[in-house]
Protein backbone atom coordinates (compact mmCIF):
# COMPACT_ATOMS: atom_id res chain seq x y z
CA UNK A 1 65.30 64.65 -81.09
CA UNK A 2 65.30 67.07 -78.14
CA UNK A 3 62.27 67.38 -75.87
CA UNK A 4 59.51 69.81 -76.81
CA UNK A 5 60.45 70.01 -80.49
CA UNK A 6 57.82 71.61 -82.71
CA UNK A 7 57.12 69.82 -85.99
CA UNK A 8 54.45 71.22 -88.30
CA UNK A 9 52.77 72.94 -85.37
CA UNK A 10 52.74 69.82 -83.15
CA UNK A 11 54.81 69.71 -79.96
CA UNK A 12 56.84 66.49 -79.83
CA UNK A 13 57.84 65.74 -76.23
CA UNK A 14 60.50 63.03 -76.31
CA UNK A 15 60.88 63.08 -72.53
CA UNK A 16 57.39 61.65 -71.96
CA UNK A 17 57.74 57.96 -72.84
CA UNK A 18 56.15 54.84 -71.39
CA UNK A 19 58.63 52.67 -69.46
CA UNK A 20 60.20 49.53 -70.90
CA UNK A 21 58.03 46.49 -70.16
CA UNK A 22 59.20 43.57 -68.07
CA UNK A 23 57.50 40.32 -67.04
CA UNK A 24 58.16 37.54 -64.56
CA UNK A 25 58.28 33.89 -65.56
CA UNK A 26 54.82 33.46 -64.01
CA UNK A 27 53.49 36.41 -66.04
CA UNK A 28 54.84 34.93 -69.28
CA UNK A 29 53.53 31.48 -68.38
CA UNK A 30 50.04 32.91 -67.91
CA UNK A 31 50.16 34.80 -71.21
CA UNK A 32 51.33 31.69 -73.03
CA UNK A 33 48.44 29.81 -71.42
CA UNK A 34 45.99 32.38 -72.79
CA UNK A 35 47.47 32.03 -76.28
CA UNK A 36 47.40 28.24 -76.15
CA UNK A 37 44.01 27.74 -74.48
CA UNK A 38 41.95 30.78 -75.50
CA UNK A 39 43.34 32.20 -78.74
CA UNK A 40 44.74 29.16 -80.55
CA UNK A 41 41.48 27.16 -80.71
CA UNK A 42 39.69 30.14 -82.29
CA UNK A 43 42.53 30.61 -84.75
CA UNK A 44 42.41 26.94 -85.80
CA UNK A 45 38.73 27.44 -86.65
CA UNK A 46 39.48 30.74 -88.35
CA UNK A 47 42.15 29.19 -90.57
CA UNK A 48 39.72 26.44 -91.53
CA UNK A 49 37.38 29.22 -92.68
CA UNK A 50 40.15 30.77 -94.77
CA UNK A 51 41.50 33.43 -92.43
CA UNK A 52 45.09 34.20 -91.45
CA UNK A 53 46.80 33.01 -88.26
CA UNK A 54 46.76 36.22 -86.22
CA UNK A 55 44.98 36.33 -82.88
CA UNK A 56 44.72 38.54 -79.81
CA UNK A 57 43.33 38.75 -76.30
CA UNK A 58 42.57 41.42 -73.74
CA UNK A 59 43.67 40.56 -70.22
CA UNK A 60 42.71 42.11 -66.91
CA UNK A 61 45.26 43.43 -64.43
CA UNK A 62 45.81 39.88 -63.14
CA UNK A 63 46.44 38.62 -66.69
CA UNK A 64 43.18 36.69 -66.81
CA UNK A 65 41.59 36.55 -70.25
CA UNK A 66 38.64 38.89 -70.62
CA UNK A 67 38.13 38.24 -74.33
CA UNK A 68 40.02 36.58 -77.17
CA UNK A 69 39.58 36.71 -80.92
CA UNK A 70 41.25 35.78 -84.17
CA UNK A 71 41.64 37.11 -87.68
CA UNK A 72 38.33 37.33 -89.56
CA UNK A 73 39.27 39.00 -92.85
CA UNK A 74 36.76 36.88 -94.74
CA UNK A 75 34.07 38.66 -92.70
CA UNK A 76 35.59 42.14 -92.94
CA UNK A 77 38.94 43.07 -94.55
CA UNK A 78 40.06 45.15 -91.56
CA UNK A 79 39.26 42.40 -89.04
CA UNK A 80 42.83 41.52 -88.28
CA UNK A 81 43.08 39.60 -85.01
CA UNK A 82 43.71 42.70 -82.92
CA UNK A 83 41.03 44.85 -84.54
CA UNK A 84 38.49 42.02 -84.33
CA UNK A 85 39.32 41.60 -80.65
CA UNK A 86 38.93 45.31 -79.95
CA UNK A 87 35.63 45.40 -81.83
CA UNK A 88 34.16 42.48 -79.88
CA UNK A 89 35.48 43.93 -76.60
CA UNK A 90 33.85 47.28 -77.40
CA UNK A 91 30.51 45.60 -78.02
CA UNK A 92 30.58 44.16 -74.49
CA UNK A 93 32.03 47.20 -72.72
CA UNK A 94 29.92 50.32 -72.05
CA UNK A 95 31.41 53.39 -73.72
CA UNK A 96 32.03 55.20 -70.43
CA UNK A 97 34.05 52.22 -69.14
CA UNK A 98 36.22 51.59 -72.20
CA UNK A 99 38.94 54.15 -71.52
CA UNK A 100 39.57 53.29 -67.86
CA UNK A 101 39.29 49.57 -68.58
CA UNK A 102 41.76 49.73 -71.47
CA UNK A 103 44.23 51.70 -69.38
CA UNK A 104 44.18 49.03 -66.66
CA UNK A 105 44.28 46.07 -69.06
CA UNK A 106 46.99 44.24 -70.98
CA UNK A 107 46.72 43.72 -74.72
CA UNK A 108 48.17 40.40 -75.86
CA UNK A 109 48.83 39.69 -79.53
CA UNK A 110 50.07 36.46 -81.04
CA UNK A 111 52.02 38.42 -83.66
CA UNK A 112 53.62 41.84 -83.50
CA UNK A 113 50.86 44.19 -84.71
CA UNK A 114 50.83 45.74 -88.16
CA UNK A 115 50.53 49.50 -88.64
CA UNK A 116 46.72 49.36 -88.60
CA UNK A 117 46.56 47.17 -85.51
CA UNK A 118 49.13 49.03 -83.41
CA UNK A 119 47.24 52.23 -84.19
CA UNK A 120 43.94 50.59 -83.25
CA UNK A 121 45.38 49.39 -79.95
CA UNK A 122 46.56 52.93 -79.23
CA UNK A 123 43.28 54.59 -80.21
CA UNK A 124 41.32 52.12 -78.08
CA UNK A 125 43.29 53.31 -75.06
CA UNK A 126 45.57 50.35 -74.31
CA UNK A 127 49.05 51.29 -73.11
CA UNK A 128 50.56 47.87 -72.38
CA UNK A 129 51.17 45.41 -75.21
CA UNK A 130 52.86 42.03 -75.23
CA UNK A 131 53.24 39.94 -78.38
CA UNK A 132 54.61 36.47 -79.10
CA UNK A 133 55.94 36.45 -82.68
CA UNK A 134 58.16 39.34 -83.85
CA UNK A 135 57.93 40.60 -87.44
CA UNK A 136 60.82 38.37 -88.51
CA UNK A 137 58.86 35.21 -87.72
CA UNK A 138 55.64 36.60 -89.21
CA UNK A 139 57.56 37.15 -92.45
CA UNK A 140 59.01 33.64 -92.26
CA UNK A 141 55.43 32.36 -92.01
CA UNK A 142 54.84 33.86 -95.46
CA UNK A 143 53.15 37.12 -94.43
CA UNK A 144 55.64 40.00 -94.85
CA UNK A 145 53.01 42.72 -95.22
CA UNK A 146 53.54 44.21 -91.74
CA UNK A 147 57.03 45.43 -92.58
CA UNK A 148 56.24 46.19 -96.21
CA UNK A 149 53.23 48.41 -95.49
CA UNK A 150 55.15 50.44 -92.90
CA UNK A 151 57.99 50.92 -95.38
CA UNK A 152 55.72 51.89 -98.25
CA UNK A 153 53.58 54.28 -96.19
CA UNK A 154 56.14 55.92 -93.93
CA UNK A 155 59.61 54.71 -94.91
CA UNK A 156 60.12 52.78 -91.65
CA UNK A 157 60.12 49.08 -90.79
CA UNK A 158 58.56 49.32 -87.34
CA UNK A 159 56.78 51.56 -84.87
CA UNK A 160 58.56 52.79 -81.73
CA UNK A 161 58.32 50.11 -79.05
CA UNK A 162 58.22 52.69 -76.26
CA UNK A 163 56.47 55.97 -76.90
CA UNK A 164 54.17 58.52 -75.30
CA UNK A 165 51.08 56.31 -75.72
CA UNK A 166 52.14 52.72 -75.11
CA UNK A 167 54.95 50.31 -74.46
CA UNK A 168 55.36 46.93 -76.13
CA UNK A 169 57.55 43.87 -75.60
CA UNK A 170 58.20 40.56 -77.33
CA UNK A 171 57.54 37.61 -75.03
CA UNK A 172 60.26 35.52 -76.70
CA UNK A 173 62.81 38.23 -75.91
CA UNK A 174 61.65 38.31 -72.30
CA UNK A 175 62.04 34.54 -72.04
CA UNK A 176 65.54 34.78 -73.50
CA UNK A 177 66.47 37.29 -70.81
CA UNK A 178 65.39 34.99 -67.97
CA UNK A 179 68.10 33.21 -65.97
CA UNK A 180 68.72 29.59 -66.90
CA UNK A 181 66.62 27.18 -64.89
CA UNK A 182 63.37 25.23 -64.75
CA UNK A 183 61.13 28.23 -65.56
CA UNK A 184 63.07 29.14 -68.69
CA UNK A 185 63.24 25.53 -69.85
CA UNK A 186 59.48 25.13 -69.44
CA UNK A 187 58.71 28.37 -71.26
CA UNK A 188 61.01 27.49 -74.16
CA UNK A 189 59.21 24.15 -74.47
CA UNK A 190 55.89 26.00 -74.59
CA UNK A 191 57.30 28.35 -77.24
CA UNK A 192 58.39 25.44 -79.39
CA UNK A 193 54.93 23.88 -79.10
CA UNK A 194 53.30 27.15 -80.13
CA UNK A 195 55.77 27.68 -82.98
CA UNK A 196 54.92 24.25 -84.37
CA UNK A 197 51.18 24.89 -84.12
CA UNK A 198 51.35 28.28 -85.82
CA UNK A 199 53.69 27.04 -88.56
CA UNK A 200 51.21 24.27 -89.33
CA UNK A 201 48.31 26.73 -89.48
CA UNK A 202 50.30 29.14 -91.66
CA UNK A 203 51.08 26.32 -94.09
CA UNK A 204 47.42 25.36 -94.17
CA UNK A 205 46.37 28.95 -94.85
CA UNK A 206 48.83 29.37 -97.73
CA UNK A 207 47.99 26.01 -99.28
CA UNK A 208 44.25 26.72 -99.32
CA UNK A 209 43.97 30.49 -99.85
CA UNK A 210 43.98 30.46 -103.65
CA UNK A 211 40.97 28.15 -103.75
CA UNK A 212 39.05 29.99 -101.05
CA UNK A 213 36.28 32.08 -102.66
CA UNK A 214 36.02 34.24 -99.53
CA UNK A 215 39.69 35.29 -99.60
CA UNK A 216 40.07 38.59 -101.49
CA UNK A 217 43.87 38.08 -101.77
CA UNK A 218 44.42 41.84 -101.91
CA UNK A 219 47.78 41.43 -100.16
CA UNK A 220 47.85 37.63 -100.08
């Protein structure tokens, strides 16, 4: 689509896109540390309570964890990991500071966000998003709703990874693009450890959800 195209009275400027995200091995190592040490323990507890395996964290400009959260759909049906994280962050952040803080922060999601969550990240003001699991692995973990809802609502299977508002990148893809060596080997080992942990939690969720009185099972 050419720049400055008008669709239904809205100017679509295709020339104004966020740049493609990159990350060093140290950056990825720190984000994996946040997932493993800050998000994962909360998600283990959340799964025990009958919630799904999705978690998120908001990082400062140095990639230090400011807040982490996990899925809490048994508490509120829209409390996916990302939305729950944004909600708790907003409760601790004065309204006048939210926009500037979001713009200077990094949003980290364990799973590629669904249509509700990617929109929530955008509306909260975050413009940098990294995620660990792509949709393909989320679906393999027995939760295909991310792709299905986008298809049913808008006839697409994903959002645009780079757009006017934000840029996103899959951490596994970034690890794959690293040169062979000690850093890549270490990060792949961490990935495998995380994959095993999340597969175990996904299996636990699916095996217990039908008998959980707090699980509405609207989408499963």
